[in-house]
C-alpha atoms as a PDB file:
ATOM      1  CA  MET A   1     110.925  54.998  93.260  1.00  0.00           C
ATOM      2  CA  GLY A   2     107.666  56.942  93.698  1.00  0.00           C
ATOM      3  CA  GLN A   3     107.878  56.730  97.502  1.00  0.00           C
ATOM      4  CA  ARG A   4     111.470  57.920  97.488  1.00  0.00           C
ATOM      5  CA  LEU A   5     110.559  60.914  95.327  1.00  0.00           C
ATOM      6  CA  SER A   6     107.644  61.951  97.544  1.00  0.00           C
ATOM      7  CA  PHE A   7     109.855  61.582 100.620  1.00  0.00           C
ATOM      8  CA  THR A   8     112.461  63.870  99.055  1.00  0.00           C
ATOM      9  CA  LEU A   9     109.867  66.430  97.958  1.00  0.00           C
ATOM     10  CA  ALA A  10     108.374  66.509 101.442  1.00  0.00           C
ATOM     11  CA  HIS A  11     111.741  67.312 102.946  1.00  0.00           C
ATOM     12  CA  GLU A  12     112.449  69.967 100.329  1.00  0.00           C
ATOM     13  CA  LYS A  13     109.068  71.554 101.088  1.00  0.00           C
ATOM     14  CA  LEU A  14     109.796  71.324 104.801  1.00  0.00           C
ATOM     15  CA  LYS A  15     112.894  73.442 104.309  1.00  0.00           C
ATOM     16  CA  THR A  16     111.180  76.010 102.101  1.00  0.00           C
ATOM     17  CA  LEU A  17     107.737  76.852 103.471  1.00  0.00           C
ATOM     18  CA  THR A  18     106.387  79.907 101.698  1.00  0.00           C
ATOM     19  CA  ALA A  19     104.960  82.923 103.470  1.00  0.00           C
ATOM     20  CA  ASN A  20     101.475  81.812 102.388  1.00  0.00           C
ATOM     21  CA  GLU A  21     101.992  78.318 103.823  1.00  0.00           C
ATOM     22  CA  ILE A  22     103.235  79.724 107.124  1.00  0.00           C
ATOM     23  CA  GLU A  23     100.270  82.075 107.317  1.00  0.00           C
ATOM     24  CA  GLU A  24      97.888  79.205 106.507  1.00  0.00           C
ATOM     25  CA  LEU A  25      99.376  77.225 109.422  1.00  0.00           C
ATOM     26  CA  LEU A  26      98.820  80.231 111.686  1.00  0.00           C
ATOM     27  CA  GLY A  27      95.259  80.763 110.492  1.00  0.00           C
ATOM     28  CA  VAL A  28      96.078  84.174 109.035  1.00  0.00           C
ATOM     29  CA  ARG A  29      95.102  82.990 105.554  1.00  0.00           C
ATOM     30  CA  ALA A  30      92.040  80.871 104.962  1.00  0.00           C
ATOM     31  CA  THR A  31      92.636  77.373 103.631  1.00  0.00           C
ATOM     32  CA  ASN A  32      90.824  74.097 103.310  1.00  0.00           C
ATOM     33  CA  ASP A  33      94.118  72.191 103.443  1.00  0.00           C
ATOM     34  CA  HIS A  34      95.047  70.111 106.462  1.00  0.00           C
ATOM     35  CA  PRO A  35      98.274  71.206 108.220  1.00  0.00           C
ATOM     36  CA  LEU A  36      99.990  67.973 107.126  1.00  0.00           C
ATOM     37  CA  ASP A  37      99.179  68.788 103.503  1.00  0.00           C
ATOM     38  CA  ILE A  38     100.595  72.297 103.944  1.00  0.00           C
ATOM     39  CA  LEU A  39     103.753  70.874 105.513  1.00  0.00           C
ATOM     40  CA  GLY A  40     104.274  68.430 102.656  1.00  0.00           C
ATOM     41  CA  PHE A  41     103.568  65.205 104.531  1.00  0.00           C
ATOM     42  CA  GLY A  42     100.041  64.629 103.261  1.00  0.00           C
ATOM     43  CA  PHE A  43      96.982  63.966 105.385  1.00  0.00           C
ATOM     44  CA  THR A  44      97.238  60.207 105.018  1.00  0.00           C
ATOM     45  CA  THR A  45      98.093  57.401 107.404  1.00  0.00           C
ATOM     46  CA  GLU A  46     101.607  57.285 105.944  1.00  0.00           C
ATOM     47  CA  GLY A  47     101.991  61.069 106.241  1.00  0.00           C
ATOM     48  CA  VAL A  48     100.832  61.086 109.865  1.00  0.00           C
ATOM     49  CA  GLU A  49     103.195  58.241 110.768  1.00  0.00           C
ATOM     50  CA  ARG A  50     106.148  59.891 109.044  1.00  0.00           C
ATOM     51  CA  PHE A  51     105.392  63.236 110.693  1.00  0.00           C
ATOM     52  CA  ARG A  52     105.240  61.615 114.143  1.00  0.00           C
ATOM     53  CA  ALA A  53     108.428  59.629 113.539  1.00  0.00           C
ATOM     54  CA  GLU A  54     110.442  62.619 112.322  1.00  0.00           C
ATOM     55  CA  HIS A  55     109.220  65.221 114.853  1.00  0.00           C
ATOM     56  CA  PRO A  56     109.976  68.109 112.477  1.00  0.00           C
ATOM     57  CA  ASP A  57     110.512  71.563 113.964  1.00  0.00           C
ATOM     58  CA  PHE A  58     108.861  74.237 111.855  1.00  0.00           C
ATOM     59  CA  PHE A  59     108.996  76.927 114.522  1.00  0.00           C
ATOM     60  CA  PRO A  60     112.281  78.507 113.333  1.00  0.00           C
ATOM     61  CA  GLN A  61     110.762  79.194 109.888  1.00  0.00           C
ATOM     62  CA  VAL A  62     107.592  80.608 111.407  1.00  0.00           C
ATOM     63  CA  LYS A  63     109.552  82.733 113.852  1.00  0.00           C
ATOM     64  CA  ALA A  64     111.730  84.143 111.055  1.00  0.00           C
ATOM     65  CA  HIS A  65     108.645  85.037 109.005  1.00  0.00           C
ATOM     66  CA  ILE A  66     106.914  86.782 111.907  1.00  0.00           C
ATOM     67  CA  ARG A  67     110.136  88.562 112.884  1.00  0.00           C
ATOM     68  CA  GLN A  68     110.546  89.846 109.318  1.00  0.00           C
ATOM     69  CA  GLN A  69     106.966  91.148 109.235  1.00  0.00           C
ATOM     70  CA  LEU A  70     107.408  92.857 112.604  1.00  0.00           C
ATOM     71  CA  ALA A  71     110.541  94.583 111.286  1.00  0.00           C
ATOM     72  CA  VAL A  72     108.797  95.753 108.110  1.00  0.00           C
ATOM     73  CA  CYS A  73     105.261  96.530 109.320  1.00  0.00           C
ATOM     74  CA  GLY A  74     105.602  96.883 113.094  1.00  0.00           C
ATOM     75  CA  HIS A  75     102.885  94.272 113.582  1.00  0.00           C
ATOM     76  CA  PHE A  76     101.884  90.762 112.594  1.00  0.00           C
ATOM     77  CA  PRO A  77      99.898  89.731 110.693  1.00  0.00           C
ATOM     78  CA  GLU A  78     100.369  92.267 107.945  1.00  0.00           C
ATOM     79  CA  GLY A  79      97.314  94.334 107.111  1.00  0.00           C
ATOM     80  CA  ILE A  80      95.673  94.076 110.534  1.00  0.00           C
ATOM     81  CA  ASP A  81      93.990  97.192 111.844  1.00  0.00           C
ATOM     82  CA  ALA A  82      94.918  97.278 115.526  1.00  0.00           C
ATOM     83  CA  GLU A  83      91.893  99.442 116.311  1.00  0.00           C
ATOM     84  CA  ASP A  84      89.416  97.134 114.564  1.00  0.00           C
ATOM     85  CA  SER A  85      90.894  93.642 114.716  1.00  0.00           C
ATOM     86  CA  ASP A  86      87.670  91.619 114.278  1.00  0.00           C
ATOM     87  CA  HIS A  87      88.543  89.286 117.154  1.00  0.00           C
ATOM     88  CA  ARG A  88      91.922  88.493 115.589  1.00  0.00           C
ATOM     89  CA  THR A  89      95.078  87.848 117.516  1.00  0.00           C
ATOM     90  CA  PHE A  90      98.047  90.009 116.597  1.00  0.00           C
ATOM     91  CA  ILE A  91     101.463  91.189 117.777  1.00  0.00           C
ATOM     92  CA  ARG A  92     102.489  94.827 117.716  1.00  0.00           C
ATOM     93  CA  LYS A  93     105.975  96.233 118.192  1.00  0.00           C
ATOM     94  CA  MET A  94     105.991  99.003 120.788  1.00  0.00           C
ATOM     95  CA  SER A  95     108.754 101.384 121.808  1.00  0.00           C
ATOM     96  CA  SER A  96     109.362  99.458 125.029  1.00  0.00           C
ATOM     97  CA  GLY A  97     108.629  95.910 123.888  1.00  0.00           C
ATOM     98  CA  TYR A  98     105.847  93.955 122.236  1.00  0.00           C
ATOM     99  CA  LEU A  99     102.205  93.357 122.904  1.00  0.00           C
ATOM    100  CA  MET A 100      99.903  90.587 121.858  1.00  0.00           C
ATOM    101  CA  SER A 101      96.246  91.381 121.609  1.00  0.00           C
ATOM    102  CA  SER A 102      93.526  88.792 121.330  1.00  0.00           C
ATOM    103  CA  GLU A 103      89.923  88.398 122.255  1.00  0.00           C
ATOM    104  CA  GLU A 104      88.756  85.526 124.389  1.00  0.00           C
ATOM    105  CA  GLU A 105      85.233  84.236 124.605  1.00  0.00           C
ATOM    106  CA  ILE A 106      84.212  84.633 128.254  1.00  0.00           C
ATOM    107  CA  ALA A 107      80.600  83.615 127.720  1.00  0.00           C
ATOM    108  CA  LEU A 108      78.550  82.431 124.791  1.00  0.00           C
ATOM    109  CA  TYR A 109      79.216  84.990 122.039  1.00  0.00           C
ATOM    110  CA  ARG A 110      80.684  87.438 124.548  1.00  0.00           C
ATOM    111  CA  TYR A 111      84.275  88.419 123.935  1.00  0.00           C
ATOM    112  CA  GLU A 112      86.696  90.442 126.018  1.00  0.00           C
ATOM    113  CA  PRO A 113      89.986  91.858 124.753  1.00  0.00           C
ATOM    114  CA  VAL A 114      93.131  90.480 126.349  1.00  0.00           C
ATOM    115  CA  VAL A 115      96.380  92.393 125.933  1.00  0.00           C
ATOM    116  CA  THR A 116      99.652  90.891 127.087  1.00  0.00           C
ATOM    117  CA  GLU A 117     102.939  92.776 127.090  1.00  0.00           C
ATOM    118  CA  PHE A 118     106.302  91.130 126.450  1.00  0.00           C
ATOM    119  CA  ASP A 119     109.831  92.422 126.900  1.00  0.00           C
ATOM    120  CA  SER A 120     111.255  90.391 124.035  1.00  0.00           C
ATOM    121  CA  GLU A 121     110.269  89.615 120.507  1.00  0.00           C
ATOM    122  CA  ASP A 122     110.926  85.903 121.094  1.00  0.00           C
ATOM    123  CA  GLN A 123     108.470  85.803 123.997  1.00  0.00           C
ATOM    124  CA  ALA A 124     105.786  87.587 121.985  1.00  0.00           C
ATOM    125  CA  ILE A 125     106.215  85.333 118.954  1.00  0.00           C
ATOM    126  CA  SER A 126     106.142  82.171 121.078  1.00  0.00           C
ATOM    127  CA  ALA A 127     102.972  83.294 122.844  1.00  0.00           C
ATOM    128  CA  TYR A 128     101.346  84.198 119.523  1.00  0.00           C
ATOM    129  CA  VAL A 129     102.139  80.815 117.957  1.00  0.00           C
ATOM    130  CA  GLU A 130     100.891  78.977 121.047  1.00  0.00           C
ATOM    131  CA  ARG A 131      97.656  80.951 120.857  1.00  0.00           C
ATOM    132  CA  VAL A 132      96.844  80.558 117.161  1.00  0.00           C
ATOM    133  CA  ALA A 133      98.477  77.349 115.922  1.00  0.00           C
ATOM    134  CA  SER A 134      97.795  73.704 116.569  1.00  0.00           C
ATOM    135  CA  SER A 135     100.490  72.381 118.892  1.00  0.00           C
ATOM    136  CA  ASP A 136     100.186  69.028 117.117  1.00  0.00           C
ATOM    137  CA  TYR A 137     101.979  70.502 114.095  1.00  0.00           C
ATOM    138  CA  LEU A 138     103.633  73.690 115.252  1.00  0.00           C
ATOM    139  CA  SER A 139     104.883  74.447 118.713  1.00  0.00           C
ATOM    140  CA  PRO A 140     107.511  76.818 120.065  1.00  0.00           C
ATOM    141  CA  LYS A 141     108.099  74.333 122.886  1.00  0.00           C
ATOM    142  CA  PRO A 142     109.963  71.096 122.187  1.00  0.00           C
ATOM    143  CA  LYS A 143     107.829  68.021 122.669  1.00  0.00           C
ATOM    144  CA  GLY A 144     109.147  65.860 125.449  1.00  0.00           C
END
């Protein structure tokens, strides 16, 4: 009975990730939790096996959250200062499309800004998620 209940709760949580949980997966919010704990599977052998067997797709929830923030704030993550981003990766809505800004380490402790422009919101969101999230748990590309 206990296993059945935890299985059901995991699937309910899977369907209803909160904004905080999504932002923890993306590294926007600090957390000590493992991604499998955030996703409701638990960072255990059983949780890892169940996650691998089910191949859950969390990208639609993440995409919807980012899309909503872009509509409201014009950028994601919320509260980022585009002029002083502290080496953070972000998306900004522009009049002619979207841009993703990030800083890449080109040498030891030497960072260079990288700005990529996208025609569509979907492209920008996919690139952002690929850049900031672990593809083991969250990927805009289907695993094949």
